[in-house]
């Protein structure tokens, strides 16, 4: 069994109970296919980068689960049929990789290992080559 991370967008026009019903349906789909739910993380209501099914906002949830890799396409298909779900993306959560997926490895506001002078120098080098 492999570990996966599903990013689920729920319709914002639904009430609180309908949102939980939609998430429970997603979890039941995973369990029906022989998977186990490890964690469910709520990210709250977020503004979308573009309109999805005529909605500008969505409730965002991350569901981390384990399931056999042969069942992922079936799970994705079944989740698309859930009325409460606007969009769902499933990522392989590999412990050796930091992105995409692997929610535990992503730290918001972490310092970056980028040297600004080196980055600017590289951009200047590209401009000289183009001339």
C-alpha atoms as a PDB file:
ATOM      1  CA  UNK A   1       0.000   0.000   0.000  1.00  0.00           C
ATOM      2  CA  UNK A   2       1.235   3.444  -0.900  1.00  0.00           C
ATOM      3  CA  UNK A   3       0.608   6.726   0.823  1.00  0.00           C
ATOM      4  CA  UNK A   4      -1.380   9.384  -1.066  1.00  0.00           C
ATOM      5  CA  UNK A   5      -2.584  12.916  -0.472  1.00  0.00           C
ATOM      6  CA  UNK A   6      -5.910  14.123  -1.903  1.00  0.00           C
ATOM      7  CA  UNK A   7      -6.539  17.841  -2.207  1.00  0.00           C
ATOM      8  CA  UNK A   8     -10.327  18.229  -2.176  1.00  0.00           C
ATOM      9  CA  UNK A   9     -12.244  21.411  -3.057  1.00  0.00           C
ATOM     10  CA  UNK A  10     -15.797  21.491  -1.649  1.00  0.00           C
ATOM     11  CA  UNK A  11     -18.637  23.710  -2.913  1.00  0.00           C
ATOM     12  CA  UNK A  12     -18.833  26.831  -0.686  1.00  0.00           C
ATOM     13  CA  UNK A  13     -22.578  27.283  -1.139  1.00  0.00           C
ATOM     14  CA  UNK A  14     -23.276  24.176   0.967  1.00  0.00           C
ATOM     15  CA  UNK A  15     -24.084  24.240   4.666  1.00  0.00           C
ATOM     16  CA  UNK A  16     -21.819  22.792   7.364  1.00  0.00           C
ATOM     17  CA  UNK A  17     -23.528  19.397   7.463  1.00  0.00           C
ATOM     18  CA  UNK A  18     -23.386  19.005   3.665  1.00  0.00           C
ATOM     19  CA  UNK A  19     -19.656  19.729   3.681  1.00  0.00           C
ATOM     20  CA  UNK A  20     -19.075  16.964   6.236  1.00  0.00           C
ATOM     21  CA  UNK A  21     -21.308  14.640   4.209  1.00  0.00           C
ATOM     22  CA  UNK A  22     -19.205  15.291   1.101  1.00  0.00           C
ATOM     23  CA  UNK A  23     -15.966  14.618   2.946  1.00  0.00           C
ATOM     24  CA  UNK A  24     -17.410  11.471   4.511  1.00  0.00           C
ATOM     25  CA  UNK A  25     -18.395  10.275   1.013  1.00  0.00           C
ATOM     26  CA  UNK A  26     -14.816  10.792  -0.177  1.00  0.00           C
ATOM     27  CA  UNK A  27     -13.458   8.884   2.813  1.00  0.00           C
ATOM     28  CA  UNK A  28     -15.966   6.060   2.258  1.00  0.00           C
ATOM     29  CA  UNK A  29     -14.849   5.780  -1.374  1.00  0.00           C
ATOM     30  CA  UNK A  30     -11.254   5.300  -0.225  1.00  0.00           C
ATOM     31  CA  UNK A  31     -12.286   2.763   2.429  1.00  0.00           C
ATOM     32  CA  UNK A  32     -14.505   0.898  -0.054  1.00  0.00           C
ATOM     33  CA  UNK A  33     -11.451   0.407  -2.284  1.00  0.00           C
ATOM     34  CA  UNK A  34      -9.455  -1.076   0.609  1.00  0.00           C
ATOM     35  CA  UNK A  35      -7.699   2.080   1.775  1.00  0.00           C
ATOM     36  CA  UNK A  36      -7.195   3.553   5.231  1.00  0.00           C
ATOM     37  CA  UNK A  37      -7.520   7.230   6.178  1.00  0.00           C
ATOM     38  CA  UNK A  38      -4.498   8.579   8.069  1.00  0.00           C
ATOM     39  CA  UNK A  39      -5.340  12.258   8.419  1.00  0.00           C
ATOM     40  CA  UNK A  40      -7.816  14.950   7.372  1.00  0.00           C
ATOM     41  CA  UNK A  41      -6.675  18.580   7.393  1.00  0.00           C
ATOM     42  CA  UNK A  42      -9.010  21.553   6.993  1.00  0.00           C
ATOM     43  CA  UNK A  43      -7.540  24.637   5.317  1.00  0.00           C
ATOM     44  CA  UNK A  44     -10.719  26.721   5.441  1.00  0.00           C
ATOM     45  CA  UNK A  45     -12.460  28.751   2.777  1.00  0.00           C
ATOM     46  CA  UNK A  46     -10.071  29.997   0.089  1.00  0.00           C
ATOM     47  CA  UNK A  47     -10.334  32.171  -3.014  1.00  0.00           C
ATOM     48  CA  UNK A  48      -9.642  30.100  -6.137  1.00  0.00           C
ATOM     49  CA  UNK A  49      -7.144  31.171  -8.763  1.00  0.00           C
ATOM     50  CA  UNK A  50      -9.786  30.652 -11.441  1.00  0.00           C
ATOM     51  CA  UNK A  51     -13.498  29.831 -11.579  1.00  0.00           C
ATOM     52  CA  UNK A  52     -14.431  26.157 -11.153  1.00  0.00           C
ATOM     53  CA  UNK A  53     -18.039  25.185 -11.877  1.00  0.00           C
ATOM     54  CA  UNK A  54     -19.061  28.862 -11.608  1.00  0.00           C
ATOM     55  CA  UNK A  55     -17.554  29.160  -8.096  1.00  0.00           C
ATOM     56  CA  UNK A  56     -14.851  31.647  -7.080  1.00  0.00           C
ATOM     57  CA  UNK A  57     -14.323  30.217  -3.567  1.00  0.00           C
ATOM     58  CA  UNK A  58     -14.055  26.726  -2.116  1.00  0.00           C
ATOM     59  CA  UNK A  59     -13.496  24.938   1.172  1.00  0.00           C
ATOM     60  CA  UNK A  60     -10.124  23.215   0.913  1.00  0.00           C
ATOM     61  CA  UNK A  61      -9.333  19.914   2.627  1.00  0.00           C
ATOM     62  CA  UNK A  62      -6.370  17.561   2.471  1.00  0.00           C
ATOM     63  CA  UNK A  63      -6.973  13.867   3.070  1.00  0.00           C
ATOM     64  CA  UNK A  64      -3.941  11.638   3.573  1.00  0.00           C
ATOM     65  CA  UNK A  65      -4.578   7.936   3.031  1.00  0.00           C
ATOM     66  CA  UNK A  66      -2.992   4.606   2.148  1.00  0.00           C
ATOM     67  CA  UNK A  67      -4.291   2.413  -0.647  1.00  0.00           C
ATOM     68  CA  UNK A  68      -3.072  -0.031  -3.273  1.00  0.00           C
ATOM     69  CA  UNK A  69      -1.714   1.859  -6.295  1.00  0.00           C
ATOM     70  CA  UNK A  70      -3.959  -0.077  -8.700  1.00  0.00           C
ATOM     71  CA  UNK A  71      -7.078   1.466  -7.101  1.00  0.00           C
ATOM     72  CA  UNK A  72      -6.194   5.157  -7.602  1.00  0.00           C
ATOM     73  CA  UNK A  73      -7.906   5.588 -10.984  1.00  0.00           C
ATOM     74  CA  UNK A  74     -11.105   4.048  -9.602  1.00  0.00           C
ATOM     75  CA  UNK A  75     -10.974   6.321  -6.551  1.00  0.00           C
ATOM     76  CA  UNK A  76     -10.446   9.430  -8.713  1.00  0.00           C
ATOM     77  CA  UNK A  77     -13.402   8.482 -10.911  1.00  0.00           C
ATOM     78  CA  UNK A  78     -15.721   7.852  -7.953  1.00  0.00           C
ATOM     79  CA  UNK A  79     -14.741  11.122  -6.242  1.00  0.00           C
ATOM     80  CA  UNK A  80     -15.574  13.089  -9.407  1.00  0.00           C
ATOM     81  CA  UNK A  81     -19.132  11.778  -9.134  1.00  0.00           C
ATOM     82  CA  UNK A  82     -19.639  13.236  -5.634  1.00  0.00           C
ATOM     83  CA  UNK A  83     -21.874  16.299  -6.036  1.00  0.00           C
ATOM     84  CA  UNK A  84     -20.304  18.281  -3.182  1.00  0.00           C
ATOM     85  CA  UNK A  85     -16.780  18.076  -4.639  1.00  0.00           C
ATOM     86  CA  UNK A  86     -15.739  20.812  -7.081  1.00  0.00           C
ATOM     87  CA  UNK A  87     -12.312  19.345  -7.799  1.00  0.00           C
ATOM     88  CA  UNK A  88     -10.020  16.667  -6.405  1.00  0.00           C
ATOM     89  CA  UNK A  89      -6.337  16.051  -7.108  1.00  0.00           C
ATOM     90  CA  UNK A  90      -4.499  13.020  -5.746  1.00  0.00           C
ATOM     91  CA  UNK A  91      -0.717  13.034  -5.295  1.00  0.00           C
ATOM     92  CA  UNK A  92       1.683  10.264  -4.376  1.00  0.00           C
ATOM     93  CA  UNK A  93       3.118  11.212  -0.984  1.00  0.00           C
ATOM     94  CA  UNK A  94       6.699  10.018  -1.246  1.00  0.00           C
ATOM     95  CA  UNK A  95       8.756  10.617   1.908  1.00  0.00           C
ATOM     96  CA  UNK A  96      11.874  11.311  -0.187  1.00  0.00           C
ATOM     97  CA  UNK A  97      10.248  14.134  -2.181  1.00  0.00           C
ATOM     98  CA  UNK A  98       9.186  17.480  -0.795  1.00  0.00           C
ATOM     99  CA  UNK A  99       6.767  18.574  -3.553  1.00  0.00           C
ATOM    100  CA  UNK A 100       4.068  17.967  -4.753  1.00  0.00           C
ATOM    101  CA  UNK A 101       2.284  16.254  -1.970  1.00  0.00           C
ATOM    102  CA  UNK A 102       4.074  15.496   1.263  1.00  0.00           C
ATOM    103  CA  UNK A 103       2.188  18.029   3.351  1.00  0.00           C
ATOM    104  CA  UNK A 104       4.483  17.447   6.315  1.00  0.00           C
ATOM    105  CA  UNK A 105       7.557  18.549   4.332  1.00  0.00           C
ATOM    106  CA  UNK A 106       6.136  21.898   3.210  1.00  0.00           C
ATOM    107  CA  UNK A 107       6.719  24.682   5.710  1.00  0.00           C
ATOM    108  CA  UNK A 108       4.945  27.969   5.176  1.00  0.00           C
ATOM    109  CA  UNK A 109       7.229  30.955   5.566  1.00  0.00           C
ATOM    110  CA  UNK A 110      10.440  28.893   5.606  1.00  0.00           C
ATOM    111  CA  UNK A 111      13.650  30.646   4.621  1.00  0.00           C
ATOM    112  CA  UNK A 112      14.833  29.965   1.123  1.00  0.00           C
ATOM    113  CA  UNK A 113      18.337  28.945   0.107  1.00  0.00           C
ATOM    114  CA  UNK A 114      18.516  31.521  -2.701  1.00  0.00           C
ATOM    115  CA  UNK A 115      21.310  34.033  -2.871  1.00  0.00           C
ATOM    116  CA  UNK A 116      19.803  37.172  -4.439  1.00  0.00           C
ATOM    117  CA  UNK A 117      23.121  38.428  -5.870  1.00  0.00           C
ATOM    118  CA  UNK A 118      23.786  35.075  -7.525  1.00  0.00           C
ATOM    119  CA  UNK A 119      20.263  34.963  -8.964  1.00  0.00           C
ATOM    120  CA  UNK A 120      20.584  38.496 -10.368  1.00  0.00           C
ATOM    121  CA  UNK A 121      24.014  37.728 -11.782  1.00  0.00           C
ATOM    122  CA  UNK A 122      22.608  34.712 -13.600  1.00  0.00           C
ATOM    123  CA  UNK A 123      19.875  36.885 -15.120  1.00  0.00           C
ATOM    124  CA  UNK A 124      22.485  39.409 -16.305  1.00  0.00           C
ATOM    125  CA  UNK A 125      24.524  36.628 -17.897  1.00  0.00           C
ATOM    126  CA  UNK A 126      21.481  35.511 -19.885  1.00  0.00           C
ATOM    127  CA  UNK A 127      20.892  39.037 -21.207  1.00  0.00           C
ATOM    128  CA  UNK A 128      24.514  39.341 -22.433  1.00  0.00           C
ATOM    129  CA  UNK A 129      24.235  36.057 -24.296  1.00  0.00           C
ATOM    130  CA  UNK A 130      21.075  37.146 -26.073  1.00  0.00           C
ATOM    131  CA  UNK A 131      22.713  40.328 -27.435  1.00  0.00           C
END
